[in-house]
C-alpha cells in the first residue's frame, strides 16, 4: 500500500488517535480543528490536553483551523465530528472536494430531524464520493496507547472497504471488512442508547445481573430495528454490534455509560452533559432511535424507557419496574414463532 495524503476533520479524542495511527502507518496527515484556541494549545504542547491528554502528537502531523485546507488534495477524508454536526461540515467542504476523494466516517449517530444515518447524509450532499464507515469496539484512549483493537470497515463497494482496511491496518489495529453499511452504522449508533441504560443501572447500584439483561435484550432491540431497516442480523453479532455494545456498556472510557451513571444517581440531563464535558452521542441518538422504532413499528422497550427518562422526566426506578413487569413472553420470540410453532 502506497502512502497517501489524508485529511482528518475533527480534533476530538477519536480524530486525534486515528491521525496518530495513520501517521505511524506512513501517511501524510492533516487535521482540521475549528477551535483556534484548542489548535494553538496543541501546537504549543504537542498534546491534545482537552480530549486525549498524555499522548504526544507527532510533529509531522499538520494542523489547521481551515477545514478546506485540511481536505484539499487529499485522497481520503476521515470524518470525525459529532453526528449532529456532520451535515454542516459536509456543506462547508463540498465545494473543495473532488469526486474521487474517499469519505471515511468514524462518527456514531443518527440525525435527529431527518432520522438519516451518516452514509445517507453523505450520499445526499456528496453523491459521487466513495464512502466507508469505520466502527467497532474502539476507545480512543486505548488506541492511542497502542492497545490491540479490532474494528470493521464497511462499504457498499468491496474495493473501497478493502482499501480503507489497508490504510488503517497496523500491528495493534486490526480491520475487518463488511458490506453491510446499514447494520454497521446502526450498531455503532444504537449501542450508545443501551450503554446509557447500563450506566443508569450502575448509578442505581444494581448488579451484574441487571446489566447483563440490559445488554442481552438490548442487542435484540438493535437487531430487530436493523433488520426492519435492511441490515443483516448477523452484523449485530459482530464487532460493530455486540462487540461495541460490550465495551460501551462496561468501560469507564465510555461517555454514554458515565452519563447514565450520573442520571441513575439523580442528576438532571443538563447537569450530566455539563459534567461529562464532551459530546454524549447516545443522548441525541435515543431520540432518533425512539422515533425510528415508532416509524418502523418495531418494539424497543429499553429504548422507549430511556427516552422517557431523558426527555419526559420519568423516574428511572419506575422504568426498571416497567421493563420487569412487561407481558410474559418466550425469550426468542422470532425463533419460537418461525421454527417451533407447536412448542
Protein backbone atom coordinates (compact mmCIF):
# COMPACT_ATOMS: atom_id res chain seq x y z
CA UNK A 1 0.00 0.00 0.00
CA UNK A 2 1.42 3.37 -1.07
CA UNK A 3 1.44 6.18 1.46
CA UNK A 4 -1.29 8.73 0.78
CA UNK A 5 -2.41 12.21 1.88
CA UNK A 6 -5.20 12.11 4.48
CA UNK A 7 -7.34 14.87 5.94
CA UNK A 8 -8.90 14.35 9.36
CA UNK A 9 -11.84 16.62 10.16
CA UNK A 10 -12.26 16.98 13.91
CA UNK A 11 -9.83 17.36 16.78
CA UNK A 12 -11.61 15.26 19.37
CA UNK A 13 -10.16 12.17 21.04
CA UNK A 14 -11.02 9.76 18.22
CA UNK A 15 -9.90 12.02 15.39
CA UNK A 16 -6.61 12.64 17.19
CA UNK A 17 -6.00 8.95 17.94
CA UNK A 18 -6.69 7.95 14.33
CA UNK A 19 -4.50 10.75 12.99
CA UNK A 20 -1.61 9.42 15.08
CA UNK A 21 -2.29 5.87 13.90
CA UNK A 22 -2.39 6.92 10.25
CA UNK A 23 0.79 8.96 10.63
CA UNK A 24 2.56 5.97 12.17
CA UNK A 25 1.38 3.93 9.18
CA UNK A 26 3.42 6.28 7.00
CA UNK A 27 0.66 8.50 5.65
CA UNK A 28 0.78 12.30 5.46
CA UNK A 29 -1.92 13.54 7.83
CA UNK A 30 -3.54 16.96 8.08
CA UNK A 31 -6.02 17.63 10.94
CA UNK A 32 -8.68 20.32 10.62
CA UNK A 33 -9.69 21.78 14.01
CA UNK A 34 -12.15 24.68 14.09
CA UNK A 35 -11.42 25.77 17.67
CA UNK A 36 -8.48 28.17 17.25
CA UNK A 37 -7.63 28.14 20.98
CA UNK A 38 -7.51 24.34 21.03
CA UNK A 39 -5.38 24.37 17.89
CA UNK A 40 -2.94 26.85 19.40
CA UNK A 41 -2.64 24.78 22.57
CA UNK A 42 -1.95 21.57 20.60
CA UNK A 43 0.72 23.30 18.53
CA UNK A 44 2.41 24.61 21.66
CA UNK A 45 2.24 21.42 23.74
CA UNK A 46 2.18 18.67 21.06
CA UNK A 47 -0.70 17.21 23.03
CA UNK A 48 -4.50 17.34 22.81
CA UNK A 49 -4.92 18.07 26.52
CA UNK A 50 -8.67 18.61 26.30
CA UNK A 51 -9.62 15.33 24.62
CA UNK A 52 -6.60 12.99 24.67
CA UNK A 53 -4.25 14.03 27.47
CA UNK A 54 -0.91 12.32 27.93
CA UNK A 55 -0.48 11.34 24.26
CA UNK A 56 2.20 13.07 22.18
CA UNK A 57 1.12 14.17 18.70
CA UNK A 58 3.90 13.53 16.15
CA UNK A 59 5.45 16.70 14.73
CA UNK A 60 4.87 15.57 11.14
CA UNK A 61 1.08 15.80 11.57
CA UNK A 62 -0.06 19.13 10.16
CA UNK A 63 -2.70 21.19 11.97
CA UNK A 64 -5.05 23.87 10.68
CA UNK A 65 -8.30 25.60 11.62
CA UNK A 66 -9.12 26.00 7.93
CA UNK A 67 -11.17 22.88 7.14
CA UNK A 68 -10.93 23.48 3.39
CA UNK A 69 -7.14 23.34 3.69
CA UNK A 70 -7.36 20.04 5.59
CA UNK A 71 -9.32 18.37 2.78
CA UNK A 72 -7.58 19.94 -0.22
CA UNK A 73 -5.85 17.38 -2.47
CA UNK A 74 -6.32 14.53 0.00
CA UNK A 75 -7.01 11.02 -1.27
CA UNK A 76 -9.00 10.16 1.84
CA UNK A 77 -11.03 12.25 4.32
CA UNK A 78 -11.70 10.99 7.85
CA UNK A 79 -14.95 12.47 9.14
CA UNK A 80 -14.56 12.58 12.92
CA UNK A 81 -17.12 15.09 14.15
CA UNK A 82 -20.24 14.53 16.30
CA UNK A 83 -23.07 13.12 14.22
CA UNK A 84 -25.24 16.21 14.71
CA UNK A 85 -22.50 18.32 13.09
CA UNK A 86 -21.90 16.14 10.03
CA UNK A 87 -24.36 17.92 7.72
CA UNK A 88 -22.93 21.37 8.47
CA UNK A 89 -19.35 20.18 7.99
CA UNK A 90 -20.11 18.42 4.71
CA UNK A 91 -21.88 21.50 3.36
CA UNK A 92 -18.87 23.61 4.31
CA UNK A 93 -16.37 21.40 2.42
CA UNK A 94 -18.36 20.09 -0.54
CA UNK A 95 -17.09 22.78 -2.92
CA UNK A 96 -13.48 21.87 -2.09
CA UNK A 97 -13.77 18.14 -2.73
CA UNK A 98 -13.22 16.11 -5.87
CA UNK A 99 -15.35 13.11 -6.78
CA UNK A 100 -12.62 10.53 -6.22
CA UNK A 101 -11.84 11.56 -2.62
CA UNK A 102 -12.93 8.79 -0.24
CA UNK A 103 -15.04 9.72 2.79
CA UNK A 104 -14.44 7.55 5.87
CA UNK A 105 -16.92 8.26 8.64
CA UNK A 106 -15.99 7.34 12.20
CA UNK A 107 -18.88 9.11 13.99
CA UNK A 108 -21.72 7.10 15.53
CA UNK A 109 -25.19 8.58 15.46
CA UNK A 110 -28.47 9.20 13.65
CA UNK A 111 -29.58 12.68 12.64
CA UNK A 112 -32.47 13.83 14.83
CA UNK A 113 -34.58 15.82 12.39
CA UNK A 114 -34.30 13.52 9.36
CA UNK A 115 -33.58 10.15 11.07
CA UNK A 116 -30.87 9.62 8.46
CA UNK A 117 -27.73 7.58 9.04
CA UNK A 118 -24.39 9.27 8.29
CA UNK A 119 -23.98 7.44 4.98
CA UNK A 120 -27.34 8.77 3.85
CA UNK A 121 -26.33 12.33 4.71
CA UNK A 122 -23.05 11.90 2.83
CA UNK A 123 -24.89 10.45 -0.18
CA UNK A 124 -27.27 13.41 -0.16
CA UNK A 125 -24.53 16.06 -0.05
CA UNK A 126 -21.64 14.22 -1.77
CA UNK A 127 -23.41 11.72 -4.05
CA UNK A 128 -20.32 10.96 -6.15
CA UNK A 129 -17.74 10.39 -3.41
CA UNK A 130 -16.88 6.82 -2.34
CA UNK A 131 -17.92 6.12 1.25
CA UNK A 132 -16.93 3.78 4.06
CA UNK A 133 -17.73 3.64 7.77
CA UNK A 134 -15.17 2.53 10.34
CA UNK A 135 -16.79 1.22 13.51
CA UNK A 136 -16.34 -1.23 16.36
CA UNK A 137 -15.22 -1.51 20.00
CA UNK A 138 -12.53 1.13 19.96
CA UNK A 139 -11.92 3.66 22.73
CA UNK A 140 -9.60 6.42 21.53
CA UNK A 141 -7.71 6.34 24.82
CA UNK A 142 -6.72 2.71 24.24
CA UNK A 143 -5.91 3.01 20.54
CA UNK A 144 -3.64 5.97 21.33
CA UNK A 145 -1.76 3.71 23.77
CA UNK A 146 -1.41 1.02 21.08
CA UNK A 147 -3.64 -1.43 22.93
CA UNK A 148 -4.78 -4.15 20.46
CA UNK A 149 -8.09 -3.15 18.89
CA UNK A 150 -10.33 -4.58 16.14
CA UNK A 151 -12.84 -2.67 14.02
CA UNK A 152 -14.86 -3.04 10.82
CA UNK A 153 -14.60 -1.17 7.53
CA UNK A 154 -17.99 -1.25 5.80
CA UNK A 155 -18.80 -0.04 2.31
CA UNK A 156 -21.17 -0.94 -0.50
CA UNK A 157 -18.07 -1.14 -2.68
CA UNK A 158 -15.82 -4.05 -1.68
CA UNK A 159 -12.74 -2.39 -3.14
CA UNK A 160 -13.31 0.72 -1.03
CA UNK A 161 -13.82 -1.34 2.14
CA UNK A 162 -10.57 -3.22 1.45
CA UNK A 163 -8.70 -0.01 0.57
CA UNK A 164 -9.72 1.54 3.90
CA UNK A 165 -8.75 -1.72 5.61
CA UNK A 166 -5.24 -1.44 4.15
CA UNK A 167 -4.87 2.22 5.09
CA UNK A 168 -5.78 1.76 8.77
CA UNK A 169 -4.40 -1.73 9.47
CA UNK A 170 -1.48 -1.83 11.89
CA UNK A 171 0.14 -4.26 14.36
CA UNK A 172 -2.24 -3.04 17.07
CA UNK A 173 -5.24 -2.03 14.94
CA UNK A 174 -6.87 -4.89 13.04
CA UNK A 175 -9.55 -4.06 10.47
CA UNK A 176 -12.15 -6.46 9.07
CA UNK A 177 -14.47 -5.70 6.14
CA UNK A 178 -18.25 -5.90 5.87
CA UNK A 179 -20.67 -4.98 3.05
CA UNK A 180 -23.50 -4.17 5.49
CA UNK A 181 -23.26 -0.38 5.87
CA UNK A 182 -26.76 -0.18 7.35
CA UNK A 183 -26.03 -2.73 10.06
CA UNK A 184 -22.61 -1.36 10.96
CA UNK A 185 -23.90 2.22 11.23
CA UNK A 186 -26.98 1.24 13.24
CA UNK A 187 -24.94 -0.99 15.55
CA UNK A 188 -22.49 1.82 16.32
CA UNK A 189 -25.33 4.25 16.94
CA UNK A 190 -27.89 2.20 18.85
CA UNK A 191 -25.42 0.64 21.28
CA UNK A 192 -24.94 4.10 22.79
CA UNK A 193 -28.60 4.10 23.84
CA UNK A 194 -28.23 0.76 25.60
CA UNK A 195 -24.98 1.98 27.20
CA UNK A 196 -26.91 4.86 28.75
CA UNK A 197 -29.24 2.25 30.23
CA UNK A 198 -26.30 0.22 31.52
CA UNK A 199 -24.89 3.35 33.14
CA UNK A 200 -28.26 4.19 34.72
CA UNK A 201 -28.31 0.67 36.15
CA UNK A 202 -24.86 1.23 37.63
CA UNK A 203 -25.92 4.59 39.00
CA UNK A 204 -28.85 2.91 40.74
CA UNK A 205 -26.30 0.41 42.16
CA UNK A 206 -27.97 -2.55 40.54
CA UNK A 207 -25.73 -5.52 39.85
CA UNK A 208 -24.17 -7.52 37.06
CA UNK A 209 -27.40 -9.46 36.56
CA UNK A 210 -29.23 -6.29 35.60
CA UNK A 211 -26.53 -5.09 33.24
CA UNK A 212 -26.30 -8.48 31.54
CA UNK A 213 -30.06 -8.42 30.99
CA UNK A 214 -29.96 -4.90 29.55
CA UNK A 215 -27.13 -5.78 27.17
CA UNK A 216 -28.68 -9.06 26.02
CA UNK A 217 -32.15 -7.67 25.46
CA UNK A 218 -30.60 -4.50 24.07
CA UNK A 219 -28.79 -6.29 21.25
CA UNK A 220 -32.10 -7.93 20.33
CA UNK A 221 -33.73 -4.50 20.06
CA UNK A 222 -30.85 -3.26 17.93
CA UNK A 223 -31.01 -6.23 15.56
CA UNK A 224 -34.80 -6.08 15.36
CA UNK A 225 -34.75 -2.47 14.18
CA UNK A 226 -31.74 -3.13 11.96
CA UNK A 227 -33.41 -5.97 10.10
CA UNK A 228 -36.52 -3.85 9.55
CA UNK A 229 -34.30 -1.16 8.02
CA UNK A 230 -32.46 -3.53 5.69
CA UNK A 231 -29.48 -4.66 7.78
CA UNK A 232 -28.18 -8.21 8.04
CA UNK A 233 -28.94 -9.60 11.51
CA UNK A 234 -25.53 -11.33 11.59
CA UNK A 235 -23.82 -7.92 11.68
CA UNK A 236 -25.19 -7.34 15.18
CA UNK A 237 -23.35 -10.46 16.36
CA UNK A 238 -20.06 -8.94 15.20
CA UNK A 239 -17.66 -6.20 16.22
CA UNK A 240 -19.90 -3.27 15.33
CA UNK A 241 -22.84 -4.86 17.17
CA UNK A 242 -22.31 -6.94 20.29
CA UNK A 243 -18.59 -6.08 20.35
CA UNK A 244 -19.17 -2.35 20.51
CA UNK A 245 -22.11 -2.84 22.89
CA UNK A 246 -19.96 -4.77 25.39
CA UNK A 247 -17.17 -2.21 25.51
CA UNK A 248 -19.51 0.78 25.72
CA UNK A 249 -21.66 -0.72 28.47
CA UNK A 250 -18.77 -1.83 30.66
CA UNK A 251 -15.96 0.72 30.33
CA UNK A 252 -15.46 3.98 32.18
CA UNK A 253 -13.91 5.32 28.98
CA UNK A 254 -17.50 5.34 27.67
CA UNK A 255 -19.08 8.78 27.91
CA UNK A 256 -22.51 7.19 27.45
CA UNK A 257 -22.06 4.84 30.39
CA UNK A 258 -20.65 7.66 32.55
CA UNK A 259 -23.61 9.86 31.61
CA UNK A 260 -26.00 7.06 32.50
CA UNK A 261 -24.36 6.63 35.90
CA UNK A 262 -24.93 10.32 36.68
CA UNK A 263 -28.57 10.12 35.57
CA UNK A 264 -29.04 7.00 37.69
CA UNK A 265 -27.68 8.93 40.66
CA UNK A 266 -30.33 11.60 40.16
CA UNK A 267 -28.51 14.23 38.09
CA UNK A 268 -30.52 16.17 35.52
CA UNK A 269 -29.76 15.84 31.81
CA UNK A 270 -28.22 19.33 31.78
CA UNK A 271 -26.05 18.59 34.83
CA UNK A 272 -24.94 15.32 33.25
CA UNK A 273 -23.89 16.86 29.94
CA UNK A 274 -22.01 19.65 31.70
CA UNK A 275 -20.24 17.16 33.95
CA UNK A 276 -19.06 14.91 31.07
CA UNK A 277 -17.74 17.94 29.16
CA UNK A 278 -17.76 16.15 25.79
CA UNK A 279 -20.44 15.07 23.33
CA UNK A 280 -22.53 12.15 24.60
CA UNK A 281 -23.83 10.71 21.32
CA UNK A 282 -26.34 8.40 22.98
CA UNK A 283 -28.45 11.28 24.29
CA UNK A 284 -29.37 12.56 20.83
CA UNK A 285 -29.42 9.04 19.37
CA UNK A 286 -32.02 7.95 21.93
CA UNK A 287 -34.45 10.44 20.42
CA UNK A 288 -33.71 9.25 16.89
CA UNK A 289 -33.94 5.57 17.87
CA UNK A 290 -37.26 6.14 19.61
CA UNK A 291 -38.67 7.93 16.56
CA UNK A 292 -37.36 5.18 14.26
CA UNK A 293 -38.98 2.49 16.40
CA UNK A 294 -42.33 4.26 16.02
CA UNK A 295 -41.85 4.83 12.28
CA UNK A 296 -40.81 1.26 11.62
CA UNK A 297 -43.34 -0.20 14.10
CA UNK A 298 -40.62 -2.09 15.97
CA UNK A 299 -40.96 -2.94 19.66
CA UNK A 300 -37.99 -1.45 21.56
CA UNK A 301 -38.97 -1.30 25.26
CA UNK A 302 -35.50 -0.43 26.63
CA UNK A 303 -35.11 2.41 24.14
CA UNK A 304 -38.59 3.65 24.97
CA UNK A 305 -37.91 3.72 28.71
CA UNK A 306 -34.58 5.52 28.28
CA UNK A 307 -36.27 8.06 26.01
CA UNK A 308 -38.92 8.72 28.66
CA UNK A 309 -36.26 9.12 31.35
CA UNK A 310 -34.22 11.58 29.24
CA UNK A 311 -36.95 13.58 27.55
CA UNK A 312 -40.09 13.16 29.66
CA UNK A 313 -38.63 13.21 33.17
CA UNK A 314 -39.72 9.67 34.04
CA UNK A 315 -38.34 8.22 37.26
CA UNK A 316 -35.59 5.70 36.48
CA UNK A 317 -36.76 3.17 39.06
CA UNK A 318 -40.25 3.18 37.56
CA UNK A 319 -38.68 2.47 34.18
CA UNK A 320 -36.90 -0.60 35.53
CA UNK A 321 -40.14 -1.82 37.10
CA UNK A 322 -41.94 -1.36 33.79
CA UNK A 323 -39.33 -3.45 32.00
CA UNK A 324 -39.51 -6.23 34.58
CA UNK A 325 -43.32 -6.39 34.56
CA UNK A 326 -43.90 -6.36 30.81
CA UNK A 327 -46.20 -9.02 29.37
CA UNK A 328 -44.83 -12.55 29.69
CA UNK A 329 -43.26 -13.97 26.53
CA UNK A 330 -40.68 -16.52 25.35
CA UNK A 331 -37.06 -15.36 25.19
CA UNK A 332 -36.56 -15.91 21.45
CA UNK A 333 -39.83 -14.60 20.05
CA UNK A 334 -38.74 -14.88 16.43
CA UNK A 335 -37.35 -18.40 16.87
CA UNK A 336 -40.47 -19.61 18.65
CA UNK A 337 -42.79 -18.18 16.03
CA UNK A 338 -40.82 -19.26 12.96
CA UNK A 339 -39.25 -22.60 13.85
CA UNK A 340 -41.21 -24.35 16.54
CA UNK A 341 -44.78 -23.12 16.32
CA UNK A 342 -46.09 -26.25 18.01
CA UNK A 343 -43.83 -25.89 21.07
